[in-house]
C-alpha atoms as a PDB file:
ATOM      1  CA  UNK A   1     -15.503 156.995 -63.791  1.00  0.00           C
ATOM      2  CA  UNK A   2     -12.038 156.477 -62.384  1.00  0.00           C
ATOM      3  CA  UNK A   3     -10.514 158.483 -59.569  1.00  0.00           C
ATOM      4  CA  UNK A   4      -7.233 158.405 -57.693  1.00  0.00           C
ATOM      5  CA  UNK A   5      -7.281 158.730 -53.922  1.00  0.00           C
ATOM      6  CA  UNK A   6      -3.866 159.810 -52.622  1.00  0.00           C
ATOM      7  CA  UNK A   7      -2.958 158.949 -49.046  1.00  0.00           C
ATOM      8  CA  UNK A   8      -0.485 161.064 -47.080  1.00  0.00           C
ATOM      9  CA  UNK A   9       1.680 160.007 -44.131  1.00  0.00           C
ATOM     10  CA  UNK A  10       3.527 156.694 -43.836  1.00  0.00           C
ATOM     11  CA  UNK A  11       1.386 155.388 -40.988  1.00  0.00           C
ATOM     12  CA  UNK A  12      -1.813 156.008 -42.944  1.00  0.00           C
ATOM     13  CA  UNK A  13      -0.648 154.075 -46.003  1.00  0.00           C
ATOM     14  CA  UNK A  14       0.136 151.019 -43.890  1.00  0.00           C
ATOM     15  CA  UNK A  15      -3.631 150.574 -43.546  1.00  0.00           C
ATOM     16  CA  UNK A  16      -4.135 149.919 -47.256  1.00  0.00           C
ATOM     17  CA  UNK A  17      -4.939 146.216 -46.639  1.00  0.00           C
ATOM     18  CA  UNK A  18      -7.905 147.375 -44.524  1.00  0.00           C
ATOM     19  CA  UNK A  19      -8.984 149.757 -47.289  1.00  0.00           C
ATOM     20  CA  UNK A  20      -8.880 146.894 -49.810  1.00  0.00           C
ATOM     21  CA  UNK A  21     -10.984 144.704 -47.519  1.00  0.00           C
ATOM     22  CA  UNK A  22     -13.626 147.357 -46.877  1.00  0.00           C
ATOM     23  CA  UNK A  23     -14.025 148.695 -50.419  1.00  0.00           C
ATOM     24  CA  UNK A  24     -13.227 145.651 -52.541  1.00  0.00           C
ATOM     25  CA  UNK A  25     -15.969 146.201 -55.124  1.00  0.00           C
ATOM     26  CA  UNK A  26     -14.976 149.738 -56.080  1.00  0.00           C
ATOM     27  CA  UNK A  27     -11.186 149.497 -55.897  1.00  0.00           C
ATOM     28  CA  UNK A  28      -9.221 148.887 -59.080  1.00  0.00           C
ATOM     29  CA  UNK A  29      -5.846 148.987 -57.322  1.00  0.00           C
ATOM     30  CA  UNK A  30      -4.470 150.076 -53.936  1.00  0.00           C
ATOM     31  CA  UNK A  31      -0.769 150.238 -53.164  1.00  0.00           C
ATOM     32  CA  UNK A  32       1.510 151.515 -50.421  1.00  0.00           C
ATOM     33  CA  UNK A  33       4.534 153.363 -51.797  1.00  0.00           C
ATOM     34  CA  UNK A  34       8.133 152.992 -50.673  1.00  0.00           C
ATOM     35  CA  UNK A  35       9.356 155.447 -48.040  1.00  0.00           C
ATOM     36  CA  UNK A  36      10.417 158.868 -49.386  1.00  0.00           C
ATOM     37  CA  UNK A  37      14.117 158.127 -48.884  1.00  0.00           C
ATOM     38  CA  UNK A  38      13.740 155.440 -51.568  1.00  0.00           C
ATOM     39  CA  UNK A  39      12.284 157.951 -54.056  1.00  0.00           C
ATOM     40  CA  UNK A  40      14.071 159.439 -57.016  1.00  0.00           C
ATOM     41  CA  UNK A  41      13.431 162.331 -59.360  1.00  0.00           C
ATOM     42  CA  UNK A  42      14.144 161.441 -63.000  1.00  0.00           C
ATOM     43  CA  UNK A  43      14.525 164.345 -65.421  1.00  0.00           C
ATOM     44  CA  UNK A  44      15.579 165.004 -68.976  1.00  0.00           C
ATOM     45  CA  UNK A  45      17.670 168.161 -69.291  1.00  0.00           C
ATOM     46  CA  UNK A  46      19.596 169.083 -72.411  1.00  0.00           C
ATOM     47  CA  UNK A  47      18.719 165.640 -73.820  1.00  0.00           C
ATOM     48  CA  UNK A  48      20.444 163.938 -70.860  1.00  0.00           C
ATOM     49  CA  UNK A  49      18.802 161.915 -68.110  1.00  0.00           C
ATOM     50  CA  UNK A  50      19.551 162.906 -64.520  1.00  0.00           C
ATOM     51  CA  UNK A  51      18.461 161.053 -61.400  1.00  0.00           C
ATOM     52  CA  UNK A  52      18.345 162.693 -57.967  1.00  0.00           C
ATOM     53  CA  UNK A  53      17.775 160.724 -54.745  1.00  0.00           C
ATOM     54  CA  UNK A  54      15.060 161.726 -52.217  1.00  0.00           C
ATOM     55  CA  UNK A  55      13.426 162.711 -49.930  1.00  0.00           C
ATOM     56  CA  UNK A  56      12.275 166.013 -51.348  1.00  0.00           C
ATOM     57  CA  UNK A  57       9.657 167.447 -48.966  1.00  0.00           C
ATOM     58  CA  UNK A  58       8.766 166.642 -45.348  1.00  0.00           C
ATOM     59  CA  UNK A  59       7.408 163.103 -45.142  1.00  0.00           C
ATOM     60  CA  UNK A  60       4.016 164.192 -43.794  1.00  0.00           C
ATOM     61  CA  UNK A  61       3.497 165.959 -47.139  1.00  0.00           C
ATOM     62  CA  UNK A  62       4.540 162.954 -49.218  1.00  0.00           C
ATOM     63  CA  UNK A  63       2.032 160.731 -50.981  1.00  0.00           C
ATOM     64  CA  UNK A  64       2.531 157.364 -49.291  1.00  0.00           C
ATOM     65  CA  UNK A  65      -0.215 155.354 -50.942  1.00  0.00           C
ATOM     66  CA  UNK A  66      -2.513 155.365 -53.967  1.00  0.00           C
ATOM     67  CA  UNK A  67      -5.966 153.907 -54.417  1.00  0.00           C
ATOM     68  CA  UNK A  68      -7.544 153.791 -57.881  1.00  0.00           C
ATOM     69  CA  UNK A  69     -11.329 153.556 -57.676  1.00  0.00           C
ATOM     70  CA  UNK A  70     -13.994 153.122 -60.332  1.00  0.00           C
ATOM     71  CA  UNK A  71     -17.358 154.582 -59.326  1.00  0.00           C
ATOM     72  CA  UNK A  72     -20.451 156.069 -60.963  1.00  0.00           C
ATOM     73  CA  UNK A  73     -19.879 159.781 -60.328  1.00  0.00           C
ATOM     74  CA  UNK A  74     -18.257 162.548 -58.267  1.00  0.00           C
ATOM     75  CA  UNK A  75     -20.676 162.129 -55.382  1.00  0.00           C
ATOM     76  CA  UNK A  76     -19.874 158.433 -55.012  1.00  0.00           C
ATOM     77  CA  UNK A  77     -16.152 159.155 -55.364  1.00  0.00           C
ATOM     78  CA  UNK A  78     -16.377 161.580 -52.429  1.00  0.00           C
ATOM     79  CA  UNK A  79     -18.187 158.986 -50.311  1.00  0.00           C
ATOM     80  CA  UNK A  80     -15.549 156.355 -51.076  1.00  0.00           C
ATOM     81  CA  UNK A  81     -12.709 158.836 -50.433  1.00  0.00           C
ATOM     82  CA  UNK A  82     -14.277 159.704 -47.070  1.00  0.00           C
ATOM     83  CA  UNK A  83     -14.423 156.008 -46.175  1.00  0.00           C
ATOM     84  CA  UNK A  84     -10.760 155.627 -47.129  1.00  0.00           C
ATOM     85  CA  UNK A  85      -9.882 158.661 -44.980  1.00  0.00           C
ATOM     86  CA  UNK A  86     -11.745 157.110 -42.057  1.00  0.00           C
ATOM     87  CA  UNK A  87      -9.896 153.806 -42.428  1.00  0.00           C
ATOM     88  CA  UNK A  88      -6.431 155.357 -42.729  1.00  0.00           C
ATOM     89  CA  UNK A  89      -7.131 157.941 -40.043  1.00  0.00           C
ATOM     90  CA  UNK A  90      -5.807 160.869 -42.055  1.00  0.00           C
ATOM     91  CA  UNK A  91      -6.679 163.160 -44.924  1.00  0.00           C
ATOM     92  CA  UNK A  92      -6.749 161.940 -48.492  1.00  0.00           C
ATOM     93  CA  UNK A  93      -6.771 163.778 -51.803  1.00  0.00           C
ATOM     94  CA  UNK A  94      -9.294 162.833 -54.491  1.00  0.00           C
ATOM     95  CA  UNK A  95      -8.705 163.482 -58.186  1.00  0.00           C
ATOM     96  CA  UNK A  96     -10.608 162.312 -61.216  1.00  0.00           C
ATOM     97  CA  UNK A  97      -8.699 160.839 -64.110  1.00  0.00           C
ATOM     98  CA  UNK A  98      -8.831 162.379 -67.565  1.00  0.00           C
ATOM     99  CA  UNK A  99     -10.592 160.395 -70.221  1.00  0.00           C
ATOM    100  CA  UNK A 100      -8.389 159.802 -73.239  1.00  0.00           C
ATOM    101  CA  UNK A 101      -9.719 159.238 -76.719  1.00  0.00           C
END
């Protein structure tokens, strides 16, 4: 089963190389995101595209990194997420992916 582990806080995401090294067998992908000031919101309103520059919320509430893991079940996903949290030194959010037909 695949899960996304979202990392918050810019300093935490800078430790993604350590996460990759520690959990190599269960990680599908792990990436640090650009700083929030580089973000953009892209919308379609009235059939027209609009783009708004960021940041949008305080940076400590911004997702700064993503880790996609592939593990056997929820229990293992929680163990891996806890290991990621320990490496980055901050909280992480764990979400399962939806299975598409």
